[in-house]
N, C-alpha and C. Protein backbone atom coordinates (compact mmCIF):
# COMPACT_ATOMS: atom_id res chain seq x y z
N UNK A 1 -55.40 -161.33 -71.58
CA UNK A 1 -55.40 -160.28 -71.91
C UNK A 1 -56.83 -159.57 -72.78
N UNK A 2 -57.21 -158.80 -72.45
CA UNK A 2 -58.46 -159.08 -73.88
C UNK A 2 -58.29 -157.96 -74.93
N UNK A 3 -59.08 -158.56 -76.00
CA UNK A 3 -58.88 -157.53 -76.96
C UNK A 3 -59.94 -156.43 -77.41
N UNK A 4 -59.26 -155.43 -78.14
CA UNK A 4 -60.31 -154.29 -78.34
C UNK A 4 -61.37 -154.69 -79.66
N UNK A 5 -62.41 -154.27 -79.13
CA UNK A 5 -63.71 -154.54 -79.69
C UNK A 5 -63.70 -153.75 -80.97
N UNK A 6 -63.94 -154.01 -82.32
CA UNK A 6 -63.83 -153.27 -83.08
C UNK A 6 -65.44 -153.69 -84.59
N UNK A 7 -66.12 -154.62 -83.57
CA UNK A 7 -67.35 -154.50 -84.10
C UNK A 7 -67.58 -153.37 -84.54
N UNK A 8 -67.88 -152.18 -83.98
CA UNK A 8 -67.95 -150.74 -84.76
C UNK A 8 -67.89 -150.81 -85.79
N UNK A 9 -66.49 -150.81 -85.92
CA UNK A 9 -65.22 -150.18 -87.21
C UNK A 9 -65.89 -150.14 -88.37
N UNK A 10 -66.42 -151.33 -88.85
CA UNK A 10 -67.48 -151.60 -90.09
C UNK A 10 -68.14 -150.28 -90.11
N UNK A 11 -69.42 -150.18 -89.21
CA UNK A 11 -70.15 -149.19 -89.13
C UNK A 11 -69.58 -147.63 -89.10
N UNK A 12 -68.53 -146.91 -88.67
CA UNK A 12 -68.05 -146.35 -88.75
C UNK A 12 -67.31 -145.95 -89.81
N UNK A 13 -66.63 -147.22 -90.73
CA UNK A 13 -66.16 -146.64 -91.92
C UNK A 13 -67.37 -146.25 -92.80
N UNK A 14 -68.21 -147.42 -93.01
CA UNK A 14 -69.59 -146.97 -93.31
C UNK A 14 -70.18 -145.60 -93.16
N UNK A 15 -69.98 -145.00 -92.39
CA UNK A 15 -70.75 -143.59 -91.98
C UNK A 15 -69.47 -142.78 -92.63
N UNK A 16 -68.56 -142.67 -92.47
CA UNK A 16 -66.97 -141.81 -92.90
C UNK A 16 -67.56 -141.55 -94.60
N UNK A 17 -67.77 -143.11 -95.27
CA UNK A 17 -68.03 -142.91 -96.92
C UNK A 17 -69.19 -142.59 -97.02
N UNK A 18 -70.41 -142.52 -96.79
CA UNK A 18 -71.22 -141.70 -96.94
C UNK A 18 -71.27 -140.50 -96.76
N UNK A 19 -70.73 -139.63 -95.62
CA UNK A 19 -70.21 -138.27 -95.47
C UNK A 19 -69.52 -137.96 -96.57
N UNK A 20 -68.63 -138.61 -97.25
CA UNK A 20 -67.73 -138.05 -98.19
C UNK A 20 -68.66 -138.06 -99.75
N UNK A 21 -69.31 -139.15 -99.65
CA UNK A 21 -70.21 -138.98 -100.69
C UNK A 21 -71.09 -137.72 -100.81
N UNK A 22 -71.83 -137.94 -99.96
CA UNK A 22 -72.95 -136.41 -99.51
C UNK A 22 -72.66 -135.05 -99.86
N UNK A 23 -70.94 -135.10 -99.19
CA UNK A 23 -70.06 -133.42 -99.17
C UNK A 23 -68.97 -133.16 -99.90
N UNK A 24 -68.93 -134.16 -101.48
CA UNK A 24 -67.83 -134.66 -102.75
C UNK A 24 -69.32 -133.22 -103.84
N UNK A 25 -68.47 -132.82 -104.09
CA UNK A 25 -69.23 -132.84 -105.26
C UNK A 25 -68.18 -133.47 -107.06
N UNK A 26 -68.97 -133.66 -107.25
CA UNK A 26 -68.49 -134.01 -108.89
C UNK A 26 -68.81 -133.44 -109.99
N UNK A 27 -67.41 -132.65 -110.83
CA UNK A 27 -67.53 -131.92 -111.28
C UNK A 27 -67.82 -132.91 -112.97
N UNK A 28 -69.03 -132.34 -113.48
CA UNK A 28 -69.61 -132.74 -115.23
C UNK A 28 -69.06 -131.54 -116.24
N UNK A 29 -69.01 -132.90 -117.01
CA UNK A 29 -68.71 -131.13 -118.50
C UNK A 29 -70.31 -131.26 -118.68
N UNK A 30 -70.15 -130.05 -119.37
CA UNK A 30 -70.92 -129.14 -119.89
C UNK A 30 -71.65 -129.10 -121.27
N UNK A 31 -70.21 -128.85 -121.93
CA UNK A 31 -70.15 -129.39 -123.45
C UNK A 31 -70.37 -127.49 -123.92
N UNK A 32 -71.14 -127.24 -125.23
CA UNK A 32 -70.61 -126.06 -125.81
C UNK A 32 -72.00 -125.48 -125.84
N UNK A 33 -72.61 -124.73 -124.98
CA UNK A 33 -73.91 -124.32 -125.03
C UNK A 33 -74.53 -123.64 -125.72
N UNK A 34 -75.16 -124.19 -126.78
CA UNK A 34 -75.65 -124.25 -128.08
C UNK A 34 -76.97 -124.88 -128.30
N UNK A 35 -78.14 -123.93 -129.21
CA UNK A 35 -79.55 -124.24 -129.37
C UNK A 35 -79.27 -124.19 -131.18
N UNK A 36 -79.66 -125.76 -131.65
CA UNK A 36 -79.23 -126.05 -132.62
C UNK A 36 -81.19 -125.45 -133.10
N UNK A 37 -81.07 -125.80 -134.10
CA UNK A 37 -82.55 -125.49 -135.06
C UNK A 37 -83.05 -127.13 -135.06
N UNK A 38 -84.22 -126.52 -135.73
CA UNK A 38 -85.14 -127.42 -135.82
C UNK A 38 -85.14 -128.75 -136.53
N UNK A 39 -84.72 -129.88 -136.72
CA UNK A 39 -84.79 -130.36 -137.98
C UNK A 39 -85.60 -130.08 -139.00
N UNK A 40 -85.07 -130.35 -140.74
CA UNK A 40 -85.99 -130.03 -141.97
C UNK A 40 -86.77 -131.14 -141.91
N UNK A 41 -88.25 -131.13 -141.86
CA UNK A 41 -88.91 -132.56 -142.84
C UNK A 41 -88.69 -132.60 -143.85
N UNK A 42 -88.78 -133.68 -144.00
CA UNK A 42 -88.28 -134.47 -145.29
C UNK A 42 -88.90 -133.69 -146.85
N UNK A 43 -89.85 -133.03 -146.39
CA UNK A 43 -90.73 -132.44 -147.60
C UNK A 43 -90.38 -131.03 -148.00
N UNK A 44 -89.78 -130.48 -146.53
CA UNK A 44 -89.44 -129.11 -147.11
C UNK A 44 -88.39 -128.62 -147.45
N UNK A 45 -87.94 -127.20 -148.62
CA UNK A 45 -87.34 -127.27 -149.27
C UNK A 45 -86.38 -125.86 -148.50
N UNK A 46 -85.13 -126.00 -148.36
CA UNK A 46 -84.27 -125.13 -147.43
C UNK A 46 -83.99 -123.88 -148.09
N UNK A 47 -84.70 -122.77 -147.72
CA UNK A 47 -84.58 -121.57 -148.44
C UNK A 47 -83.11 -121.00 -148.02
N UNK A 48 -83.12 -120.42 -149.56
CA UNK A 48 -81.44 -119.67 -149.34
C UNK A 48 -81.90 -118.51 -148.82
N UNK A 49 -81.09 -118.09 -147.87
CA UNK A 49 -81.29 -116.97 -147.59
C UNK A 49 -79.69 -116.04 -148.13
N UNK A 50 -80.29 -114.53 -148.47
CA UNK A 50 -79.63 -113.45 -149.09
C UNK A 50 -79.09 -112.88 -147.42
N UNK A 51 -77.93 -112.29 -147.67
CA UNK A 51 -77.66 -111.38 -146.70
C UNK A 51 -76.48 -110.74 -147.48
N UNK A 52 -76.35 -109.40 -146.93
CA UNK A 52 -75.44 -108.38 -147.19
C UNK A 52 -74.08 -108.88 -146.73
N UNK A 53 -73.04 -109.00 -147.89
CA UNK A 53 -71.74 -109.25 -147.74
C UNK A 53 -70.73 -108.15 -146.17
N UNK A 54 -71.38 -107.72 -145.84
CA UNK A 54 -71.31 -106.58 -145.10
C UNK A 54 -71.35 -107.40 -143.68
N UNK A 55 -72.35 -107.50 -143.73
CA UNK A 55 -73.14 -108.56 -142.64
C UNK A 55 -72.85 -109.38 -142.48
N UNK A 56 -71.73 -110.23 -142.72
CA UNK A 56 -71.51 -111.59 -142.69
C UNK A 56 -70.00 -111.40 -142.14
N UNK A 57 -69.62 -112.25 -141.80
CA UNK A 57 -68.12 -112.25 -141.03
C UNK A 57 -68.17 -113.86 -141.06
N UNK A 58 -67.59 -114.23 -142.12
CA UNK A 58 -66.93 -115.87 -142.80
C UNK A 58 -65.39 -116.40 -141.78
N UNK A 59 -65.68 -116.92 -141.07
CA UNK A 59 -64.48 -117.38 -140.53
C UNK A 59 -64.44 -119.18 -140.98
N UNK A 60 -63.28 -119.55 -140.96
CA UNK A 60 -63.39 -120.95 -141.56
C UNK A 60 -61.70 -121.54 -140.73
N UNK A 61 -61.56 -122.57 -140.70
CA UNK A 61 -60.66 -123.56 -139.92
C UNK A 61 -60.47 -125.00 -140.35
N UNK A 62 -59.26 -124.83 -140.86
CA UNK A 62 -59.04 -125.69 -142.28
C UNK A 62 -58.19 -127.25 -141.14
N UNK A 63 -57.98 -127.97 -142.09
CA UNK A 63 -57.57 -129.42 -141.51
C UNK A 63 -56.07 -129.41 -141.01
N UNK A 64 -55.66 -128.40 -141.01
CA UNK A 64 -54.01 -127.83 -140.82
C UNK A 64 -54.14 -126.89 -139.22
N UNK A 65 -56.03 -126.76 -139.04
CA UNK A 65 -56.39 -125.97 -137.95
C UNK A 65 -56.06 -124.36 -137.84
N UNK A 66 -55.38 -123.69 -138.90
CA UNK A 66 -55.63 -122.62 -139.43
C UNK A 66 -56.84 -121.40 -139.74
N UNK A 67 -56.73 -120.76 -139.49
CA UNK A 67 -57.65 -120.15 -139.11
C UNK A 67 -58.02 -118.89 -140.00
N UNK A 68 -59.14 -118.82 -140.74
CA UNK A 68 -58.68 -117.56 -142.25
C UNK A 68 -60.02 -116.91 -142.15
N UNK A 69 -60.73 -115.45 -141.70
CA UNK A 69 -61.23 -114.66 -141.63
C UNK A 69 -61.37 -113.55 -143.01
N UNK A 70 -61.99 -113.27 -143.14
CA UNK A 70 -62.12 -112.36 -144.42
C UNK A 70 -61.24 -112.72 -146.05
N UNK A 71 -60.75 -113.57 -145.93
CA UNK A 71 -59.80 -114.51 -146.99
C UNK A 71 -58.44 -114.16 -146.36
N UNK A 72 -58.03 -113.74 -145.53
CA UNK A 72 -57.03 -113.66 -145.18
C UNK A 72 -56.78 -114.67 -143.72
N UNK A 73 -55.75 -115.21 -143.56
CA UNK A 73 -55.28 -116.11 -142.69
C UNK A 73 -54.66 -115.15 -141.71
N UNK A 74 -55.57 -115.76 -140.06
CA UNK A 74 -54.77 -114.62 -138.92
C UNK A 74 -54.65 -115.87 -137.89
N UNK A 75 -53.89 -115.26 -137.05
CA UNK A 75 -53.44 -115.83 -135.64
C UNK A 75 -54.58 -115.48 -134.43
N UNK A 76 -54.76 -116.70 -133.67
CA UNK A 76 -55.99 -117.39 -133.22
C UNK A 76 -56.37 -116.04 -132.14
N UNK A 77 -54.73 -115.37 -131.99
CA UNK A 77 -54.94 -114.46 -130.64
C UNK A 77 -55.61 -113.25 -131.03
N UNK A 78 -55.50 -113.00 -132.22
CA UNK A 78 -56.66 -111.79 -132.92
C UNK A 78 -57.67 -111.87 -132.99
N UNK A 79 -58.13 -113.01 -132.88
CA UNK A 79 -59.72 -113.45 -133.94
C UNK A 79 -60.71 -112.48 -132.77
N UNK A 80 -60.39 -112.25 -131.59
CA UNK A 80 -61.45 -111.71 -130.86
C UNK A 80 -61.49 -110.30 -130.99
N UNK A 81 -60.49 -109.59 -131.10
CA UNK A 81 -60.60 -107.91 -131.54
C UNK A 81 -61.45 -108.37 -133.07
N UNK A 82 -60.96 -108.74 -133.87
CA UNK A 82 -61.82 -108.68 -135.39
C UNK A 82 -63.10 -109.51 -134.79
N UNK A 83 -63.54 -109.97 -134.23
CA UNK A 83 -64.95 -110.49 -133.94
C UNK A 83 -65.96 -108.87 -133.30
N UNK A 84 -64.64 -108.66 -132.16
CA UNK A 84 -65.54 -107.13 -131.21
C UNK A 84 -65.75 -106.00 -132.28
N UNK A 85 -64.37 -106.13 -132.59
CA UNK A 85 -64.86 -104.75 -133.96
C UNK A 85 -66.06 -105.01 -135.16
N UNK A 86 -66.06 -106.40 -135.81
CA UNK A 86 -67.56 -106.82 -136.28
C UNK A 86 -68.60 -106.48 -135.54
N UNK A 87 -69.00 -106.84 -134.53
CA UNK A 87 -70.37 -107.10 -134.04
C UNK A 87 -70.62 -105.30 -133.30
N UNK A 88 -69.57 -104.43 -132.44
CA UNK A 88 -69.87 -103.63 -132.51
C UNK A 88 -70.28 -102.52 -133.92
N UNK A 89 -69.28 -102.31 -134.64
CA UNK A 89 -68.91 -101.43 -135.27
C UNK A 89 -68.94 -100.11 -135.06
N UNK A 90 -67.91 -100.17 -134.47
CA UNK A 90 -67.91 -98.29 -133.35
C UNK A 90 -67.67 -96.90 -134.35
N UNK A 91 -67.00 -97.54 -135.40
CA UNK A 91 -67.15 -96.08 -136.01
C UNK A 91 -67.51 -96.24 -136.91
N UNK A 92 -68.75 -97.03 -137.67
CA UNK A 92 -69.97 -97.02 -138.37
C UNK A 92 -69.43 -97.34 -139.80
N UNK A 93 -68.30 -97.58 -140.25
CA UNK A 93 -67.51 -98.27 -141.56
C UNK A 93 -68.93 -98.80 -142.13
N UNK A 94 -68.13 -98.88 -143.71
CA UNK A 94 -69.27 -98.94 -144.67
C UNK A 94 -68.83 -100.73 -145.07
N UNK A 95 -67.78 -101.27 -144.59
CA UNK A 95 -67.80 -102.70 -144.86
C UNK A 95 -68.03 -103.62 -143.66
N UNK A 96 -68.50 -103.08 -142.56
CA UNK A 96 -69.11 -103.74 -141.28
C UNK A 96 -70.52 -103.71 -141.41
N UNK A 97 -70.69 -104.64 -140.19
CA UNK A 97 -72.33 -104.46 -140.12
C UNK A 97 -72.94 -103.42 -140.62
N UNK A 98 -74.14 -102.75 -140.91
CA UNK A 98 -74.86 -101.85 -140.86
C UNK A 98 -75.55 -101.30 -139.31
N UNK A 99 -75.86 -100.44 -138.88
CA UNK A 99 -76.73 -100.56 -137.82
C UNK A 99 -77.77 -99.71 -137.92
N UNK A 100 -78.99 -100.20 -136.97
CA UNK A 100 -80.10 -100.21 -137.17
C UNK A 100 -80.61 -99.27 -135.57
N UNK A 101 -81.52 -97.88 -136.18
CA UNK A 101 -81.75 -97.31 -134.42
C UNK A 101 -82.97 -97.93 -133.78
N UNK A 102 -82.85 -98.48 -132.68
CA UNK A 102 -84.16 -99.59 -132.14
C UNK A 102 -83.87 -98.98 -130.23
N UNK A 103 -85.27 -99.35 -130.08
CA UNK A 103 -85.85 -98.67 -128.70
C UNK A 103 -85.02 -99.69 -127.58
N UNK A 104 -84.26 -99.50 -127.10
CA UNK A 104 -83.68 -100.78 -125.87
C UNK A 104 -83.92 -99.89 -124.54
N UNK A 105 -84.35 -100.31 -124.01
CA UNK A 105 -84.84 -100.38 -122.63
C UNK A 105 -83.65 -99.97 -121.71
N UNK A 106 -83.38 -98.70 -120.79
CA UNK A 106 -82.50 -98.28 -120.14
C UNK A 106 -81.87 -97.30 -120.79
N UNK A 107 -81.78 -97.91 -122.83
CA UNK A 107 -80.70 -96.84 -123.13
C UNK A 107 -81.50 -96.22 -124.06
N UNK A 108 -82.83 -96.38 -124.18
CA UNK A 108 -83.43 -95.11 -125.27
C UNK A 108 -83.09 -95.98 -126.36
N UNK A 109 -82.83 -94.64 -127.61
CA UNK A 109 -83.04 -95.42 -129.39
C UNK A 109 -81.33 -95.17 -129.39
N UNK A 110 -81.02 -96.63 -129.67
CA UNK A 110 -79.75 -97.23 -129.65
C UNK A 110 -78.95 -97.61 -130.75
N UNK A 111 -78.50 -97.51 -131.73
CA UNK A 111 -77.47 -98.63 -132.69
C UNK A 111 -77.19 -99.22 -132.42
N UNK A 112 -77.78 -100.76 -132.89
CA UNK A 112 -77.78 -101.48 -133.12
C UNK A 112 -77.32 -102.36 -134.28
N UNK A 113 -76.39 -103.55 -134.61
CA UNK A 113 -76.16 -104.34 -136.17
C UNK A 113 -76.85 -105.23 -135.69
N UNK A 114 -78.16 -105.37 -135.91
CA UNK A 114 -79.21 -106.13 -135.60
C UNK A 114 -79.21 -107.67 -136.94
N UNK A 115 -78.15 -107.36 -137.72
CA UNK A 115 -78.23 -108.14 -139.39
C UNK A 115 -77.06 -108.71 -139.48
N UNK A 116 -76.05 -108.73 -138.10
CA UNK A 116 -74.60 -109.41 -138.51
C UNK A 116 -75.03 -110.44 -137.98
N UNK A 117 -74.24 -111.39 -138.83
CA UNK A 117 -73.86 -112.77 -138.67
C UNK A 117 -72.64 -113.60 -138.97
N UNK A 118 -72.27 -114.35 -137.57
CA UNK A 118 -70.97 -114.83 -138.09
C UNK A 118 -71.16 -116.03 -137.94
N UNK A 119 -70.52 -116.66 -139.48
CA UNK A 119 -70.46 -117.84 -140.01
C UNK A 119 -69.02 -118.80 -139.78
N UNK A 120 -69.35 -119.85 -138.91
CA UNK A 120 -68.09 -120.52 -138.80
C UNK A 120 -68.27 -121.94 -139.66
N UNK A 121 -67.24 -122.11 -140.19
CA UNK A 121 -67.11 -123.37 -141.19
C UNK A 121 -65.60 -124.26 -140.33
N UNK A 122 -65.52 -125.54 -141.02
CA UNK A 122 -64.79 -126.12 -140.84
C UNK A 122 -64.02 -127.18 -141.73
N UNK A 123 -63.02 -127.98 -141.77
CA UNK A 123 -63.01 -128.75 -142.77
C UNK A 123 -62.98 -130.27 -141.67
N UNK A 124 -63.17 -131.19 -142.45
CA UNK A 124 -63.75 -132.42 -142.02
C UNK A 124 -62.79 -132.82 -140.74
N UNK A 125 -61.57 -132.78 -141.02
CA UNK A 125 -60.32 -132.81 -140.26
C UNK A 125 -59.81 -132.08 -139.56
N UNK A 126 -60.34 -131.15 -139.07
CA UNK A 126 -60.10 -129.97 -138.06
C UNK A 126 -60.36 -130.61 -136.63
N UNK A 127 -58.62 -130.62 -135.64
CA UNK A 127 -58.95 -131.22 -134.48
C UNK A 127 -59.80 -130.16 -133.89
N UNK A 128 -60.44 -131.45 -132.66
CA UNK A 128 -61.76 -130.83 -132.03
C UNK A 128 -61.10 -129.74 -130.88
N UNK A 129 -59.95 -129.94 -130.59
CA UNK A 129 -59.06 -128.34 -129.99
C UNK A 129 -59.68 -126.92 -130.55
N UNK A 130 -59.19 -126.98 -131.70
CA UNK A 130 -59.24 -125.76 -132.42
C UNK A 130 -60.38 -125.27 -133.11
N UNK A 131 -61.38 -126.28 -132.91
CA UNK A 131 -62.70 -125.39 -133.01
C UNK A 131 -63.09 -125.16 -131.96
N UNK A 132 -62.96 -125.81 -130.39
CA UNK A 132 -62.88 -125.29 -129.24
C UNK A 132 -62.46 -123.55 -128.63
N UNK A 133 -61.29 -123.76 -129.40
CA UNK A 133 -60.25 -122.38 -129.48
C UNK A 133 -61.19 -121.05 -129.89
N UNK A 134 -61.19 -121.50 -131.21
CA UNK A 134 -62.09 -120.55 -131.80
C UNK A 134 -63.48 -120.64 -131.02
N UNK A 135 -64.51 -120.69 -131.17
CA UNK A 135 -65.48 -120.91 -129.84
C UNK A 135 -65.40 -120.08 -128.93
N UNK A 136 -64.35 -120.27 -128.38
CA UNK A 136 -64.11 -119.95 -126.54
C UNK A 136 -63.83 -118.13 -127.21
N UNK A 137 -63.19 -117.84 -128.43
CA UNK A 137 -62.84 -116.88 -128.88
C UNK A 137 -64.01 -115.59 -128.93
N UNK A 138 -64.78 -116.30 -129.55
CA UNK A 138 -66.09 -116.13 -130.21
C UNK A 138 -66.82 -115.87 -128.77
N UNK A 139 -66.92 -116.79 -127.91
CA UNK A 139 -67.63 -116.29 -126.34
C UNK A 139 -67.03 -115.36 -125.92
N UNK A 140 -66.11 -115.42 -126.00
CA UNK A 140 -64.85 -114.44 -125.59
C UNK A 140 -65.23 -112.61 -125.61
N UNK A 141 -65.37 -112.30 -127.36
CA UNK A 141 -66.19 -111.20 -127.61
C UNK A 141 -67.44 -110.83 -127.64
N UNK A 142 -68.16 -111.72 -127.41
CA UNK A 142 -69.63 -111.28 -127.23
C UNK A 142 -69.56 -110.98 -125.58
N UNK A 143 -68.91 -111.49 -124.66
CA UNK A 143 -68.87 -111.70 -122.77
C UNK A 143 -67.81 -110.40 -122.96
N UNK A 144 -67.20 -110.15 -123.32
CA UNK A 144 -66.43 -108.26 -123.52
C UNK A 144 -67.34 -107.39 -123.78
N UNK A 145 -67.79 -106.93 -124.72
CA UNK A 145 -68.80 -106.07 -125.04
C UNK A 145 -69.90 -105.76 -124.70
N UNK A 146 -70.52 -107.28 -124.35
CA UNK A 146 -71.75 -106.93 -122.92
C UNK A 146 -70.98 -106.54 -121.78
N UNK A 147 -69.73 -106.77 -120.96
CA UNK A 147 -69.48 -106.18 -119.56
C UNK A 147 -68.88 -104.92 -120.13
N UNK A 148 -68.32 -104.72 -121.03
CA UNK A 148 -68.41 -103.11 -121.66
C UNK A 148 -69.23 -102.42 -121.24
N UNK A 149 -70.25 -102.80 -121.77
CA UNK A 149 -71.62 -101.79 -122.01
C UNK A 149 -71.98 -101.51 -120.64
N UNK A 150 -72.50 -102.82 -119.48
CA UNK A 150 -72.53 -103.04 -118.27
C UNK A 150 -71.85 -101.96 -117.53
N UNK A 151 -70.46 -101.98 -117.48
CA UNK A 151 -69.88 -101.12 -116.39
C UNK A 151 -70.28 -99.88 -117.28
N UNK A 152 -70.04 -99.61 -118.31
CA UNK A 152 -70.18 -97.82 -119.34
C UNK A 152 -71.86 -97.34 -118.31
N UNK A 153 -72.57 -98.10 -118.38
CA UNK A 153 -73.91 -97.70 -118.55
C UNK A 153 -74.09 -97.93 -117.15
N UNK A 154 -74.25 -99.05 -116.21
CA UNK A 154 -74.75 -99.35 -115.36
C UNK A 154 -73.34 -99.34 -113.43
N UNK A 155 -72.54 -99.39 -114.59
CA UNK A 155 -71.46 -99.60 -113.66
C UNK A 155 -71.38 -101.18 -112.81
N UNK A 156 -71.44 -101.92 -113.38
CA UNK A 156 -71.50 -103.22 -113.13
C UNK A 156 -70.94 -104.39 -114.26
N UNK A 157 -70.79 -105.14 -113.56
CA UNK A 157 -70.30 -106.07 -114.92
C UNK A 157 -71.74 -106.79 -115.25
N UNK A 158 -72.02 -107.75 -116.45
CA UNK A 158 -73.17 -108.13 -116.92
C UNK A 158 -73.32 -109.05 -115.86
N UNK A 159 -72.91 -110.21 -115.15
CA UNK A 159 -73.43 -111.15 -114.80
C UNK A 159 -74.32 -110.42 -112.86
N UNK A 160 -73.56 -109.37 -112.74
CA UNK A 160 -73.79 -108.76 -111.49
C UNK A 160 -75.36 -107.67 -111.98
N UNK A 161 -75.43 -107.76 -113.33
CA UNK A 161 -76.97 -107.00 -113.51
C UNK A 161 -78.52 -107.20 -112.90
N UNK A 162 -79.32 -106.85 -113.39
CA UNK A 162 -80.60 -107.72 -112.99
C UNK A 162 -81.00 -108.38 -113.93
N UNK A 163 -82.14 -109.30 -114.11
CA UNK A 163 -82.82 -109.98 -115.96
C UNK A 163 -83.32 -108.79 -116.78
N UNK A 164 -83.59 -107.19 -116.21
CA UNK A 164 -84.11 -106.97 -117.33
C UNK A 164 -82.78 -106.14 -118.28
N UNK A 165 -82.14 -105.76 -116.91
CA UNK A 165 -80.94 -105.38 -117.51
C UNK A 165 -79.80 -106.07 -118.34
N UNK A 166 -80.14 -107.40 -117.82
CA UNK A 166 -79.38 -108.50 -119.31
C UNK A 166 -80.39 -107.77 -120.45
N UNK A 167 -81.33 -108.13 -120.24
CA UNK A 167 -81.83 -108.29 -121.43
C UNK A 167 -82.15 -107.09 -122.25
N UNK A 168 -82.06 -106.35 -121.82
CA UNK A 168 -81.29 -104.92 -122.63
C UNK A 168 -80.17 -105.20 -123.36
N UNK A 169 -79.25 -105.49 -122.47
CA UNK A 169 -77.57 -105.32 -123.00
C UNK A 169 -78.14 -107.05 -124.45
N UNK A 170 -78.50 -107.49 -123.58
CA UNK A 170 -78.98 -108.96 -124.58
C UNK A 170 -79.49 -108.54 -126.20
N UNK A 171 -80.11 -107.51 -126.41
CA UNK A 171 -80.56 -106.72 -127.32
C UNK A 171 -79.84 -106.33 -128.22
N UNK A 172 -78.67 -105.53 -127.36
CA UNK A 172 -78.04 -104.51 -128.41
C UNK A 172 -76.73 -105.48 -128.86
N UNK A 173 -76.59 -106.78 -128.14
CA UNK A 173 -75.38 -107.76 -128.64
C UNK A 173 -76.08 -109.26 -128.36
N UNK A 174 -76.79 -109.54 -129.09
CA UNK A 174 -77.70 -110.72 -129.34
C UNK A 174 -76.56 -112.02 -130.45
N UNK A 175 -76.31 -112.64 -129.51
CA UNK A 175 -74.83 -113.95 -129.74
C UNK A 175 -76.06 -114.65 -131.58
N UNK A 176 -75.11 -113.98 -132.67
CA UNK A 176 -75.72 -114.79 -133.84
C UNK A 176 -74.35 -115.09 -134.51
N UNK A 177 -74.25 -116.81 -133.83
CA UNK A 177 -73.26 -117.51 -134.76
C UNK A 177 -73.96 -118.62 -135.35
N UNK A 178 -73.51 -118.60 -136.82
CA UNK A 178 -74.23 -119.92 -137.59
C UNK A 178 -72.76 -120.69 -137.68
N UNK A 179 -73.40 -122.10 -137.72
CA UNK A 179 -72.12 -123.22 -137.88
C UNK A 179 -72.59 -124.11 -138.88
N UNK A 180 -72.33 -123.53 -140.22
CA UNK A 180 -72.33 -124.13 -141.54
C UNK A 180 -71.75 -125.54 -141.62
N UNK A 181 -72.19 -125.96 -142.91
CA UNK A 181 -71.67 -127.52 -142.98
C UNK A 181 -70.14 -127.38 -142.68
N UNK A 182 -69.79 -128.83 -142.61
CA UNK A 182 -68.18 -128.85 -142.83
C UNK A 182 -67.84 -128.70 -144.73
N UNK A 183 -66.67 -128.01 -144.77
CA UNK A 183 -66.15 -127.63 -145.94
C UNK A 183 -64.62 -128.11 -146.13
N UNK A 184 -63.87 -128.14 -147.03
CA UNK A 184 -62.82 -128.33 -147.18
C UNK A 184 -62.65 -126.98 -148.11
N UNK A 185 -61.44 -125.77 -147.32
CA UNK A 185 -61.40 -124.41 -147.67
C UNK A 185 -59.83 -124.02 -147.57
N UNK A 186 -59.43 -123.75 -148.27
CA UNK A 186 -57.93 -123.52 -148.55
C UNK A 186 -57.15 -125.21 -147.48
N UNK A 187 -57.47 -126.25 -148.16
CA UNK A 187 -56.78 -127.40 -147.74
C UNK A 187 -55.93 -127.77 -148.37
N UNK A 188 -55.33 -127.20 -149.46
CA UNK A 188 -53.53 -127.36 -150.18
C UNK A 188 -52.88 -126.87 -149.41
N UNK A 189 -52.33 -127.97 -149.30
CA UNK A 189 -51.01 -127.18 -148.37
C UNK A 189 -50.23 -126.41 -149.78
N UNK A 190 -49.90 -124.77 -149.29
CA UNK A 190 -48.58 -123.89 -149.85
C UNK A 190 -47.20 -124.36 -149.96
């Protein structure tokens, strides 16, 4: 009884392997998209920048992964709304960032909080997941403000806008997050 010729089985298996390797996409971790400042040369002296208190929102994460904003402990779920109000200052409150009228394409003269800064600081033993959770809330606050303005002005989401439209909205809501050195802040258990 003659046997089945299996000499081409290896070729078929190889072709299937190549096919699956070529057609499969492999997810890769991208990390947090941030641009770091250039390194300070050995002879340079750090300049101290004076920032008005109303233009600065300090966020601290301690070793117990608790979040403190404006010297008050807050839950993570409240952080996004606090940040949105700080960035936009919709009611032009005196304790939130000052607004400056600037010329913005598509918008004309528009009041913008050009000097706002969000300073994020953490303890040396802060868990990485807590840090990522805070970063996600900060990014979500900026994204929501940009989407709301894009829908209001262009009736589209920020992602659907042309490059010129995106640039205009980024002029109004630029990402201004400063990540300061690690600190030990309210780290004693109470």
